[in-house]
Amino acid sequence: GLAMLGVFLLRQADERELGAILPIWSRWAALAVCALLLAG
């Protein structure tokens, strides 16, 4: 997901789209990191 944000979305999406996408992505990332920490 980070690769998609860095390579595409932060370059191509407009401010309104990023305002909707980034909060959702932030929650995804938090869940993924928690899974990584617990599993690790």
Full PDB file with SEQRES, HELIX, SHEET, SSBOND, CRYST1, ORIGX, SCALE, CONECT and MASTER records, all heavy atoms in Angstrom:
SEQRES   1 A   40  GLY LEU ALA MET LEU GLY VAL PHE LEU LEU ARG GLN ALA          
SEQRES   2 A   40  ASP GLU ARG GLU LEU GLY ALA ILE LEU PRO ILE TRP SER          
SEQRES   3 A   40  ARG TRP ALA ALA LEU ALA VAL CYS ALA LEU LEU LEU ALA          
SEQRES   4 A   40  GLY                                                          
HELIX    1 AA1 LEU A    2  MET A    4  1                                   3    
HELIX    2 AA2 LEU A    5  LEU A    9  3                                   5    
HELIX    3 AA3 LEU A   10  GLN A   12  1                                   3    
HELIX    4 AA4 GLU A   15  ALA A   39  1                                  25    
CRYST1    1.000    1.000    1.000  90.00  90.00  90.00 P 1           1          
ORIGX1      1.000000  0.000000  0.000000        0.00000                         
ORIGX2      0.000000  1.000000  0.000000        0.00000                         
ORIGX3      0.000000  0.000000  1.000000        0.00000                         
SCALE1      1.000000  0.000000  0.000000        0.00000                         
SCALE2      0.000000  1.000000  0.000000        0.00000                         
SCALE3      0.000000  0.000000  1.000000        0.00000                         
ATOM      1  N   GLY A   1       0.821  -1.214   0.000  1.00  0.00           N  
ATOM      2  CA  GLY A   1       0.000   0.000   0.000  1.00  0.00           C  
ATOM      3  C   GLY A   1       0.849   1.255   0.000  1.00  0.00           C  
ATOM      4  O   GLY A   1       0.525   2.248  -0.680  1.00  0.00           O  
ATOM      5  N   LEU A   2       1.950   1.241   0.758  1.00  0.00           N  
ATOM      6  CA  LEU A   2       2.867   2.393   0.753  1.00  0.00           C  
ATOM      7  C   LEU A   2       3.426   2.654  -0.637  1.00  0.00           C  
ATOM      8  O   LEU A   2       3.553   3.814  -1.070  1.00  0.00           O  
ATOM      9  CB  LEU A   2       4.018   2.149   1.734  1.00  0.00           C  
ATOM     10  CG  LEU A   2       3.742   2.329   3.227  1.00  0.00           C  
ATOM     11  CD1 LEU A   2       4.989   1.987   4.028  1.00  0.00           C  
ATOM     12  CD2 LEU A   2       3.305   3.765   3.524  1.00  0.00           C  
ATOM     13  N   ALA A   3       3.794   1.564  -1.330  1.00  0.00           N  
ATOM     14  CA  ALA A   3       4.322   1.725  -2.691  1.00  0.00           C  
ATOM     15  C   ALA A   3       3.288   2.381  -3.597  1.00  0.00           C  
ATOM     16  O   ALA A   3       3.623   3.264  -4.402  1.00  0.00           O  
ATOM     17  CB  ALA A   3       4.744   0.364  -3.245  1.00  0.00           C  
ATOM     18  N   MET A   4       2.022   1.974  -3.489  1.00  0.00           N  
ATOM     19  CA  MET A   4       0.971   2.583  -4.307  1.00  0.00           C  
ATOM     20  C   MET A   4       0.773   4.057  -3.966  1.00  0.00           C  
ATOM     21  O   MET A   4       0.582   4.899  -4.856  1.00  0.00           O  
ATOM     22  CB  MET A   4      -0.342   1.823  -4.106  1.00  0.00           C  
ATOM     23  CG  MET A   4      -0.384   0.469  -4.793  1.00  0.00           C  
ATOM     24  SD  MET A   4      -0.478   0.625  -6.592  1.00  0.00           S  
ATOM     25  CE  MET A   4      -2.187   1.121  -6.800  1.00  0.00           C  
ATOM     26  N   LEU A   5       0.834   4.382  -2.675  1.00  0.00           N  
ATOM     27  CA  LEU A   5       0.702   5.787  -2.288  1.00  0.00           C  
ATOM     28  C   LEU A   5       1.861   6.618  -2.823  1.00  0.00           C  
ATOM     29  O   LEU A   5       1.666   7.693  -3.414  1.00  0.00           O  
ATOM     30  CB  LEU A   5       0.657   5.906  -0.762  1.00  0.00           C  
ATOM     31  CG  LEU A   5      -0.655   5.565  -0.050  1.00  0.00           C  
ATOM     32  CD1 LEU A   5      -0.463   5.647   1.454  1.00  0.00           C  
ATOM     33  CD2 LEU A   5      -1.770   6.515  -0.490  1.00  0.00           C  
ATOM     34  N   GLY A   6       3.084   6.139  -2.613  1.00  0.00           N  
ATOM     35  CA  GLY A   6       4.259   6.910  -3.003  1.00  0.00           C  
ATOM     36  C   GLY A   6       4.426   7.052  -4.500  1.00  0.00           C  
ATOM     37  O   GLY A   6       4.826   8.115  -4.995  1.00  0.00           O  
ATOM     38  N   VAL A   7       4.139   5.985  -5.237  1.00  0.00           N  
ATOM     39  CA  VAL A   7       4.388   6.009  -6.684  1.00  0.00           C  
ATOM     40  C   VAL A   7       3.231   6.646  -7.450  1.00  0.00           C  
ATOM     41  O   VAL A   7       3.450   7.351  -8.435  1.00  0.00           O  
ATOM     42  CB  VAL A   7       4.656   4.579  -7.192  1.00  0.00           C  
ATOM     43  CG1 VAL A   7       4.838   4.571  -8.708  1.00  0.00           C  
ATOM     44  CG2 VAL A   7       5.886   3.988  -6.526  1.00  0.00           C  
ATOM     45  N   PHE A   8       1.990   6.446  -6.985  1.00  0.00           N  
ATOM     46  CA  PHE A   8       0.838   6.870  -7.798  1.00  0.00           C  
ATOM     47  C   PHE A   8      -0.093   7.855  -7.101  1.00  0.00           C  
ATOM     48  O   PHE A   8      -0.255   8.993  -7.566  1.00  0.00           O  
ATOM     49  CB  PHE A   8       0.024   5.635  -8.232  1.00  0.00           C  
ATOM     50  CG  PHE A   8       0.802   4.671  -9.066  1.00  0.00           C  
ATOM     51  CD1 PHE A   8       1.162   3.435  -8.566  1.00  0.00           C  
ATOM     52  CD2 PHE A   8       1.184   4.990 -10.372  1.00  0.00           C  
ATOM     53  CE1 PHE A   8       1.888   2.539  -9.327  1.00  0.00           C  
ATOM     54  CE2 PHE A   8       1.908   4.101 -11.142  1.00  0.00           C  
ATOM     55  CZ  PHE A   8       2.261   2.871 -10.622  1.00  0.00           C  
ATOM     56  N   LEU A   9      -0.726   7.464  -6.007  1.00  0.00           N  
ATOM     57  CA  LEU A   9      -1.839   8.250  -5.477  1.00  0.00           C  
ATOM     58  C   LEU A   9      -1.426   9.649  -5.038  1.00  0.00           C  
ATOM     59  O   LEU A   9      -2.136  10.627  -5.317  1.00  0.00           O  
ATOM     60  CB  LEU A   9      -2.473   7.494  -4.303  1.00  0.00           C  
ATOM     61  CG  LEU A   9      -3.350   6.300  -4.695  1.00  0.00           C  
ATOM     62  CD1 LEU A   9      -3.808   5.539  -3.466  1.00  0.00           C  
ATOM     63  CD2 LEU A   9      -4.550   6.757  -5.513  1.00  0.00           C  
ATOM     64  N   LEU A  10      -0.301   9.779  -4.341  1.00  0.00           N  
ATOM     65  CA  LEU A  10       0.099  11.115  -3.888  1.00  0.00           C  
ATOM     66  C   LEU A  10       0.506  12.019  -5.042  1.00  0.00           C  
ATOM     67  O   LEU A  10       0.579  13.240  -4.882  1.00  0.00           O  
ATOM     68  CB  LEU A  10       1.251  10.998  -2.885  1.00  0.00           C  
ATOM     69  CG  LEU A  10       0.878  10.405  -1.514  1.00  0.00           C  
ATOM     70  CD1 LEU A  10       2.106  10.281  -0.639  1.00  0.00           C  
ATOM     71  CD2 LEU A  10      -0.182  11.263  -0.831  1.00  0.00           C  
ATOM     72  N   ARG A  11       0.762  11.441  -6.197  1.00  0.00           N  
ATOM     73  CA  ARG A  11       1.127  12.233  -7.375  1.00  0.00           C  
ATOM     74  C   ARG A  11      -0.085  12.536  -8.259  1.00  0.00           C  
ATOM     75  O   ARG A  11      -0.154  13.597  -8.880  1.00  0.00           O  
ATOM     76  CB  ARG A  11       2.177  11.481  -8.207  1.00  0.00           C  
ATOM     77  CG  ARG A  11       3.518  11.288  -7.515  1.00  0.00           C  
ATOM     78  CD  ARG A  11       4.434  10.420  -8.360  1.00  0.00           C  
ATOM     79  NE  ARG A  11       5.723  10.207  -7.722  1.00  0.00           N  
ATOM     80  CZ  ARG A  11       6.784  11.001  -7.867  1.00  0.00           C  
ATOM     81  NH1 ARG A  11       6.695  12.080  -8.631  1.00  0.00           N  
ATOM     82  NH2 ARG A  11       7.909  10.730  -7.246  1.00  0.00           N  
ATOM     83  N   GLN A  12      -1.014  11.588  -8.320  1.00  0.00           N  
ATOM     84  CA  GLN A  12      -2.088  11.699  -9.313  1.00  0.00           C  
ATOM     85  C   GLN A  12      -3.436  12.111  -8.726  1.00  0.00           C  
ATOM     86  O   GLN A  12      -4.237  12.745  -9.401  1.00  0.00           O  
ATOM     87  CB  GLN A  12      -2.247  10.361 -10.045  1.00  0.00           C  
ATOM     88  CG  GLN A  12      -1.002   9.946 -10.821  1.00  0.00           C  
ATOM     89  CD  GLN A  12      -1.161   8.587 -11.481  1.00  0.00           C  
ATOM     90  OE1 GLN A  12      -2.234   7.986 -11.445  1.00  0.00           O  
ATOM     91  NE2 GLN A  12      -0.091   8.085 -12.080  1.00  0.00           N  
ATOM     92  N   ALA A  13      -3.730  11.708  -7.468  1.00  0.00           N  
ATOM     93  CA  ALA A  13      -5.032  12.018  -6.879  1.00  0.00           C  
ATOM     94  C   ALA A  13      -5.088  13.488  -6.460  1.00  0.00           C  
ATOM     95  O   ALA A  13      -4.077  14.074  -6.071  1.00  0.00           O  
ATOM     96  CB  ALA A  13      -5.284  11.123  -5.671  1.00  0.00           C  
ATOM     97  N   ASP A  14      -6.304  14.078  -6.539  1.00  0.00           N  
ATOM     98  CA  ASP A  14      -6.434  15.475  -6.119  1.00  0.00           C  
ATOM     99  C   ASP A  14      -6.672  15.544  -4.612  1.00  0.00           C  
ATOM    100  O   ASP A  14      -6.770  14.534  -3.921  1.00  0.00           O  
ATOM    101  CB  ASP A  14      -7.564  16.167  -6.887  1.00  0.00           C  
ATOM    102  CG  ASP A  14      -8.913  15.479  -6.707  1.00  0.00           C  
ATOM    103  OD1 ASP A  14      -9.154  14.913  -5.615  1.00  0.00           O  
ATOM    104  OD2 ASP A  14      -9.712  15.480  -7.657  1.00  0.00           O  
ATOM    105  N   GLU A  15      -6.763  16.790  -4.106  1.00  0.00           N  
ATOM    106  CA  GLU A  15      -6.856  16.984  -2.659  1.00  0.00           C  
ATOM    107  C   GLU A  15      -8.113  16.360  -2.079  1.00  0.00           C  
ATOM    108  O   GLU A  15      -8.079  15.764  -0.997  1.00  0.00           O  
ATOM    109  CB  GLU A  15      -6.822  18.480  -2.341  1.00  0.00           C  
ATOM    110  CG  GLU A  15      -6.797  18.772  -0.843  1.00  0.00           C  
ATOM    111  CD  GLU A  15      -6.628  20.266  -0.544  1.00  0.00           C  
ATOM    112  OE1 GLU A  15      -6.275  21.016  -1.481  1.00  0.00           O  
ATOM    113  OE2 GLU A  15      -6.849  20.649   0.616  1.00  0.00           O  
ATOM    114  N   ARG A  16      -9.242  16.449  -2.784  1.00  0.00           N  
ATOM    115  CA  ARG A  16     -10.482  15.869  -2.281  1.00  0.00           C  
ATOM    116  C   ARG A  16     -10.368  14.346  -2.203  1.00  0.00           C  
ATOM    117  O   ARG A  16     -10.793  13.733  -1.217  1.00  0.00           O  
ATOM    118  CB  ARG A  16     -11.636  16.265  -3.211  1.00  0.00           C  
ATOM    119  CG  ARG A  16     -13.003  15.723  -2.760  1.00  0.00           C  
ATOM    120  CD  ARG A  16     -14.076  16.114  -3.753  1.00  0.00           C  
ATOM    121  NE  ARG A  16     -13.787  15.564  -5.080  1.00  0.00           N  
ATOM    122  CZ  ARG A  16     -14.084  14.308  -5.447  1.00  0.00           C  
ATOM    123  NH1 ARG A  16     -14.646  13.480  -4.578  1.00  0.00           N  
ATOM    124  NH2 ARG A  16     -13.802  13.885  -6.658  1.00  0.00           N  
ATOM    125  N   GLU A  17      -9.787  13.733  -3.224  1.00  0.00           N  
ATOM    126  CA  GLU A  17      -9.629  12.271  -3.233  1.00  0.00           C  
ATOM    127  C   GLU A  17      -8.675  11.802  -2.130  1.00  0.00           C  
ATOM    128  O   GLU A  17      -8.942  10.821  -1.432  1.00  0.00           O  
ATOM    129  CB  GLU A  17      -9.124  11.807  -4.600  1.00  0.00           C  
ATOM    130  CG  GLU A  17     -10.167  11.958  -5.702  1.00  0.00           C  
ATOM    131  CD  GLU A  17      -9.583  11.803  -7.101  1.00  0.00           C  
ATOM    132  OE1 GLU A  17      -8.346  11.991  -7.246  1.00  0.00           O  
ATOM    133  OE2 GLU A  17     -10.345  11.507  -8.034  1.00  0.00           O  
ATOM    134  N   LEU A  18      -7.563  12.530  -1.964  1.00  0.00           N  
ATOM    135  CA  LEU A  18      -6.623  12.160  -0.913  1.00  0.00           C  
ATOM    136  C   LEU A  18      -7.252  12.332   0.471  1.00  0.00           C  
ATOM    137  O   LEU A  18      -6.960  11.543   1.391  1.00  0.00           O  
ATOM    138  CB  LEU A  18      -5.353  13.006  -1.014  1.00  0.00           C  
ATOM    139  CG  LEU A  18      -4.418  12.683  -2.178  1.00  0.00           C  
ATOM    140  CD1 LEU A  18      -3.246  13.654  -2.204  1.00  0.00           C  
ATOM    141  CD2 LEU A  18      -3.894  11.254  -2.067  1.00  0.00           C  
ATOM    142  N   GLY A  19      -8.097  13.340   0.618  1.00  0.00           N  
ATOM    143  CA  GLY A  19      -8.767  13.542   1.894  1.00  0.00           C  
ATOM    144  C   GLY A  19      -9.650  12.370   2.270  1.00  0.00           C  
ATOM    145  O   GLY A  19      -9.853  12.088   3.455  1.00  0.00           O  
ATOM    146  N   ALA A  20     -10.190  11.676   1.269  1.00  0.00           N  
ATOM    147  CA  ALA A  20     -11.020  10.494   1.534  1.00  0.00           C  
ATOM    148  C   ALA A  20     -10.175   9.228   1.667  1.00  0.00           C  
ATOM    149  O   ALA A  20     -10.484   8.337   2.467  1.00  0.00           O  
ATOM    150  CB  ALA A  20     -12.046  10.319   0.410  1.00  0.00           C  
ATOM    151  N   ILE A  21      -9.079   9.145   0.885  1.00  0.00           N  
ATOM    152  CA  ILE A  21      -8.276   7.908   0.840  1.00  0.00           C  
ATOM    153  C   ILE A  21      -7.368   7.768   2.047  1.00  0.00           C  
ATOM    154  O   ILE A  21      -7.294   6.688   2.662  1.00  0.00           O  
ATOM    155  CB  ILE A  21      -7.428   7.885  -0.456  1.00  0.00           C  
ATOM    156  CG1 ILE A  21      -8.329   7.707  -1.681  1.00  0.00           C  
ATOM    157  CG2 ILE A  21      -6.376   6.776  -0.404  1.00  0.00           C  
ATOM    158  CD1 ILE A  21      -7.604   7.912  -2.994  1.00  0.00           C  
ATOM    159  N   LEU A  22      -6.670   8.840   2.423  1.00  0.00           N  
ATOM    160  CA  LEU A  22      -5.615   8.720   3.431  1.00  0.00           C  
ATOM    161  C   LEU A  22      -6.110   8.284   4.809  1.00  0.00           C  
ATOM    162  O   LEU A  22      -5.440   7.463   5.471  1.00  0.00           O  
ATOM    163  CB  LEU A  22      -4.843  10.033   3.530  1.00  0.00           C  
ATOM    164  CG  LEU A  22      -3.966  10.354   2.308  1.00  0.00           C  
ATOM    165  CD1 LEU A  22      -3.287  11.712   2.476  1.00  0.00           C  
ATOM    166  CD2 LEU A  22      -2.931   9.260   2.087  1.00  0.00           C  
ATOM    167  N   PRO A  23      -7.266   8.789   5.309  1.00  0.00           N  
ATOM    168  CA  PRO A  23      -7.727   8.282   6.617  1.00  0.00           C  
ATOM    169  C   PRO A  23      -8.009   6.778   6.602  1.00  0.00           C  
ATOM    170  O   PRO A  23      -7.712   6.073   7.581  1.00  0.00           O  
ATOM    171  CB  PRO A  23      -9.003   9.089   6.882  1.00  0.00           C  
ATOM    172  CG  PRO A  23      -8.816  10.337   6.098  1.00  0.00           C  
ATOM    173  CD  PRO A  23      -8.097   9.914   4.846  1.00  0.00           C  
ATOM    174  N   ILE A  24      -8.577   6.279   5.489  1.00  0.00           N  
ATOM    175  CA  ILE A  24      -8.847   4.840   5.392  1.00  0.00           C  
ATOM    176  C   ILE A  24      -7.534   4.068   5.353  1.00  0.00           C  
ATOM    177  O   ILE A  24      -7.363   3.066   6.053  1.00  0.00           O  
ATOM    178  CB  ILE A  24      -9.690   4.533   4.131  1.00  0.00           C  
ATOM    179  CG1 ILE A  24     -11.035   5.243   4.220  1.00  0.00           C  
ATOM    180  CG2 ILE A  24      -9.879   3.025   3.972  1.00  0.00           C  
ATOM    181  CD1 ILE A  24     -11.865   5.124   2.952  1.00  0.00           C  
ATOM    182  N   TRP A  25      -6.597   4.575   4.531  1.00  0.00           N  
ATOM    183  CA  TRP A  25      -5.300   3.896   4.444  1.00  0.00           C  
ATOM    184  C   TRP A  25      -4.583   3.904   5.789  1.00  0.00           C  
ATOM    185  O   TRP A  25      -3.947   2.921   6.182  1.00  0.00           O  
ATOM    186  CB  TRP A  25      -4.415   4.565   3.389  1.00  0.00           C  
ATOM    187  CG  TRP A  25      -2.969   4.227   3.591  1.00  0.00           C  
ATOM    188  CD1 TRP A  25      -1.965   5.043   3.991  1.00  0.00           C  
ATOM    189  CD2 TRP A  25      -2.385   2.926   3.455  1.00  0.00           C  
ATOM    190  NE1 TRP A  25      -0.794   4.358   4.124  1.00  0.00           N  
ATOM    191  CE2 TRP A  25      -1.021   3.049   3.795  1.00  0.00           C  
ATOM    192  CE3 TRP A  25      -2.878   1.679   3.098  1.00  0.00           C  
ATOM    193  CZ2 TRP A  25      -0.146   1.982   3.774  1.00  0.00           C  
ATOM    194  CZ3 TRP A  25      -2.009   0.606   3.081  1.00  0.00           C  
ATOM    195  CH2 TRP A  25      -0.651   0.750   3.405  1.00  0.00           C  
ATOM    196  N   SER A  26      -4.698   5.003   6.533  1.00  0.00           N  
ATOM    197  CA  SER A  26      -4.033   5.094   7.831  1.00  0.00           C  
ATOM    198  C   SER A  26      -4.538   4.008   8.777  1.00  0.00           C  
ATOM    199  O   SER A  26      -3.758   3.395   9.510  1.00  0.00           O  
ATOM    200  CB  SER A  26      -4.279   6.482   8.437  1.00  0.00           C  
ATOM    201  OG  SER A  26      -3.615   6.613   9.665  1.00  0.00           O  
ATOM    202  N   ARG A  27      -5.850   3.740   8.756  1.00  0.00           N  
ATOM    203  CA  ARG A  27      -6.403   2.668   9.602  1.00  0.00           C  
ATOM    204  C   ARG A  27      -5.907   1.304   9.134  1.00  0.00           C  
ATOM    205  O   ARG A  27      -5.589   0.421   9.944  1.00  0.00           O  
ATOM    206  CB  ARG A  27      -7.926   2.738   9.595  1.00  0.00           C  
ATOM    207  CG  ARG A  27      -8.493   3.927  10.373  1.00  0.00           C  
ATOM    208  CD  ARG A  27      -9.974   3.788  10.599  1.00  0.00           C  
ATOM    209  NE  ARG A  27     -10.737   3.946   9.360  1.00  0.00           N  
ATOM    210  CZ  ARG A  27     -11.168   5.113   8.877  1.00  0.00           C  
ATOM    211  NH1 ARG A  27     -10.903   6.237   9.551  1.00  0.00           N  
ATOM    212  NH2 ARG A  27     -11.849   5.176   7.760  1.00  0.00           N  
ATOM    213  N   TRP A  28      -5.859   1.090   7.824  1.00  0.00           N  
ATOM    214  CA  TRP A  28      -5.320  -0.165   7.282  1.00  0.00           C  
ATOM    215  C   TRP A  28      -3.892  -0.388   7.757  1.00  0.00           C  
ATOM    216  O   TRP A  28      -3.531  -1.482   8.193  1.00  0.00           O  
ATOM    217  CB  TRP A  28      -5.310  -0.112   5.756  1.00  0.00           C  
ATOM    218  CG  TRP A  28      -6.638  -0.327   5.100  1.00  0.00           C  
ATOM    219  CD1 TRP A  28      -7.851  -0.360   5.690  1.00  0.00           C  
ATOM    220  CD2 TRP A  28      -6.843  -0.523   3.711  1.00  0.00           C  
ATOM    221  NE1 TRP A  28      -8.827  -0.553   4.751  1.00  0.00           N  
ATOM    222  CE2 TRP A  28      -8.242  -0.660   3.519  1.00  0.00           C  
ATOM    223  CE3 TRP A  28      -6.019  -0.565   2.608  1.00  0.00           C  
ATOM    224  CZ2 TRP A  28      -8.806  -0.849   2.267  1.00  0.00           C  
ATOM    225  CZ3 TRP A  28      -6.568  -0.766   1.351  1.00  0.00           C  
ATOM    226  CH2 TRP A  28      -7.951  -0.913   1.190  1.00  0.00           C  
ATOM    227  N   ALA A  29      -3.095   0.668   7.615  1.00  0.00           N  
ATOM    228  CA  ALA A  29      -1.680   0.545   7.989  1.00  0.00           C  
ATOM    229  C   ALA A  29      -1.534   0.214   9.469  1.00  0.00           C  
ATOM    230  O   ALA A  29      -0.693  -0.604   9.858  1.00  0.00           O  
ATOM    231  CB  ALA A  29      -0.941   1.839   7.652  1.00  0.00           C  
ATOM    232  N   ALA A  30      -2.369   0.868  10.309  1.00  0.00           N  
ATOM    233  CA  ALA A  30      -2.291   0.602  11.749  1.00  0.00           C  
ATOM    234  C   ALA A  30      -2.623  -0.866  12.048  1.00  0.00           C  
ATOM    235  O   ALA A  30      -1.951  -1.519  12.856  1.00  0.00           O  
ATOM    236  CB  ALA A  30      -3.253   1.523  12.498  1.00  0.00           C  
ATOM    237  N   LEU A  31      -3.654  -1.409  11.391  1.00  0.00           N  
ATOM    238  CA  LEU A  31      -4.021  -2.812  11.589  1.00  0.00           C  
ATOM    239  C   LEU A  31      -2.914  -3.745  11.098  1.00  0.00           C  
ATOM    240  O   LEU A  31      -2.589  -4.749  11.754  1.00  0.00           O  
ATOM    241  CB  LEU A  31      -5.332  -3.124  10.860  1.00  0.00           C  
ATOM    242  CG  LEU A  31      -6.606  -2.537  11.476  1.00  0.00           C  
ATOM    243  CD1 LEU A  31      -7.801  -2.774  10.564  1.00  0.00           C  
ATOM    244  CD2 LEU A  31      -6.861  -3.146  12.853  1.00  0.00           C  
ATOM    245  N   ALA A  32      -2.333  -3.402   9.939  1.00  0.00           N  
ATOM    246  CA  ALA A  32      -1.264  -4.244   9.391  1.00  0.00           C  
ATOM    247  C   ALA A  32      -0.044  -4.251  10.312  1.00  0.00           C  
ATOM    248  O   ALA A  32       0.572  -5.296  10.541  1.00  0.00           O  
ATOM    249  CB  ALA A  32      -0.877  -3.758   7.991  1.00  0.00           C  
ATOM    250  N   VAL A  33       0.300  -3.088  10.857  1.00  0.00           N  
ATOM    251  CA  VAL A  33       1.452  -2.999  11.762  1.00  0.00           C  
ATOM    252  C   VAL A  33       1.182  -3.771  13.046  1.00  0.00           C  
ATOM    253  O   VAL A  33       2.068  -4.471  13.570  1.00  0.00           O  
ATOM    254  CB  VAL A  33       1.785  -1.524  12.064  1.00  0.00           C  
ATOM    255  CG1 VAL A  33       2.802  -1.423  13.194  1.00  0.00           C  
ATOM    256  CG2 VAL A  33       2.336  -0.845  10.814  1.00  0.00           C  
ATOM    257  N   CYS A  34      -0.037  -3.678  13.570  1.00  0.00           N  
ATOM    258  CA  CYS A  34      -0.385  -4.444  14.768  1.00  0.00           C  
ATOM    259  C   CYS A  34      -0.253  -5.948  14.495  1.00  0.00           C  
ATOM    260  O   CYS A  34       0.251  -6.699  15.350  1.00  0.00           O  
ATOM    261  CB  CYS A  34      -1.809  -4.116  15.217  1.00  0.00           C  
ATOM    262  SG  CYS A  34      -1.988  -2.484  15.968  1.00  0.00           S  
ATOM    263  N   ALA A  35      -0.707  -6.391  13.312  1.00  0.00           N  
ATOM    264  CA  ALA A  35      -0.580  -7.809  12.948  1.00  0.00           C  
ATOM    265  C   ALA A  35       0.887  -8.208  12.854  1.00  0.00           C  
ATOM    266  O   ALA A  35       1.285  -9.290  13.316  1.00  0.00           O  
ATOM    267  CB  ALA A  35      -1.291  -8.072  11.617  1.00  0.00           C  
ATOM    268  N   LEU A  36       1.708  -7.320  12.272  1.00  0.00           N  
ATOM    269  CA  LEU A  36       3.137  -7.597  12.171  1.00  0.00           C  
ATOM    270  C   LEU A  36       3.779  -7.738  13.549  1.00  0.00           C  
ATOM    271  O   LEU A  36       4.560  -8.665  13.801  1.00  0.00           O  
ATOM    272  CB  LEU A  36       3.829  -6.463  11.400  1.00  0.00           C  
ATOM    273  CG  LEU A  36       3.812  -6.537   9.879  1.00  0.00           C  
ATOM    274  CD1 LEU A  36       4.313  -5.217   9.290  1.00  0.00           C  
ATOM    275  CD2 LEU A  36       4.684  -7.677   9.387  1.00  0.00           C  
ATOM    276  N   LEU A  37       3.458  -6.803  14.450  1.00  0.00           N  
ATOM    277  CA  LEU A  37       4.053  -6.826  15.786  1.00  0.00           C  
ATOM    278  C   LEU A  37       3.623  -8.069  16.559  1.00  0.00           C  
ATOM    279  O   LEU A  37       4.450  -8.742  17.188  1.00  0.00           O  
ATOM    280  CB  LEU A  37       3.654  -5.568  16.553  1.00  0.00           C  
ATOM    281  CG  LEU A  37       4.345  -4.270  16.129  1.00  0.00           C  
ATOM    282  CD1 LEU A  37       3.716  -3.081  16.840  1.00  0.00           C  
ATOM    283  CD2 LEU A  37       5.833  -4.328  16.439  1.00  0.00           C  
ATOM    284  N   LEU A  38       2.335  -8.394  16.517  1.00  0.00           N  
ATOM    285  CA  LEU A  38       1.833  -9.552  17.254  1.00  0.00           C  
ATOM    286  C   LEU A  38       2.425 -10.849  16.703  1.00  0.00           C  
ATOM    287  O   LEU A  38       2.930 -11.692  17.460  1.00  0.00           O  
ATOM    288  CB  LEU A  38       0.304  -9.588  17.185  1.00  0.00           C  
ATOM    289  CG  LEU A  38      -0.375 -10.756  17.919  1.00  0.00           C  
ATOM    290  CD1 LEU A  38      -0.049 -10.697  19.408  1.00  0.00           C  
ATOM    291  CD2 LEU A  38      -1.887 -10.704  17.706  1.00  0.00           C  
ATOM    292  N   ALA A  39       2.371 -10.986  15.365  1.00  0.00           N  
ATOM    293  CA  ALA A  39       2.908 -12.206  14.752  1.00  0.00           C  
ATOM    294  C   ALA A  39       4.407 -12.315  14.961  1.00  0.00           C  
ATOM    295  O   ALA A  39       4.931 -13.403  15.224  1.00  0.00           O  
ATOM    296  CB  ALA A  39       2.573 -12.216  13.255  1.00  0.00           C  
ATOM    297  N   GLY A  40       5.118 -11.189  14.846  1.00  0.00           N  
ATOM    298  CA  GLY A  40       6.559 -11.209  15.050  1.00  0.00           C  
ATOM    299  C   GLY A  40       6.941 -11.595  16.469  1.00  0.00           C  
ATOM    300  O   GLY A  40       7.922 -12.313  16.693  1.00  0.00           O  
TER     301      GLY A  40                                                      
MASTER        0    0    0    4    0    0    0    6  300    1    0    4          
END                                                                             
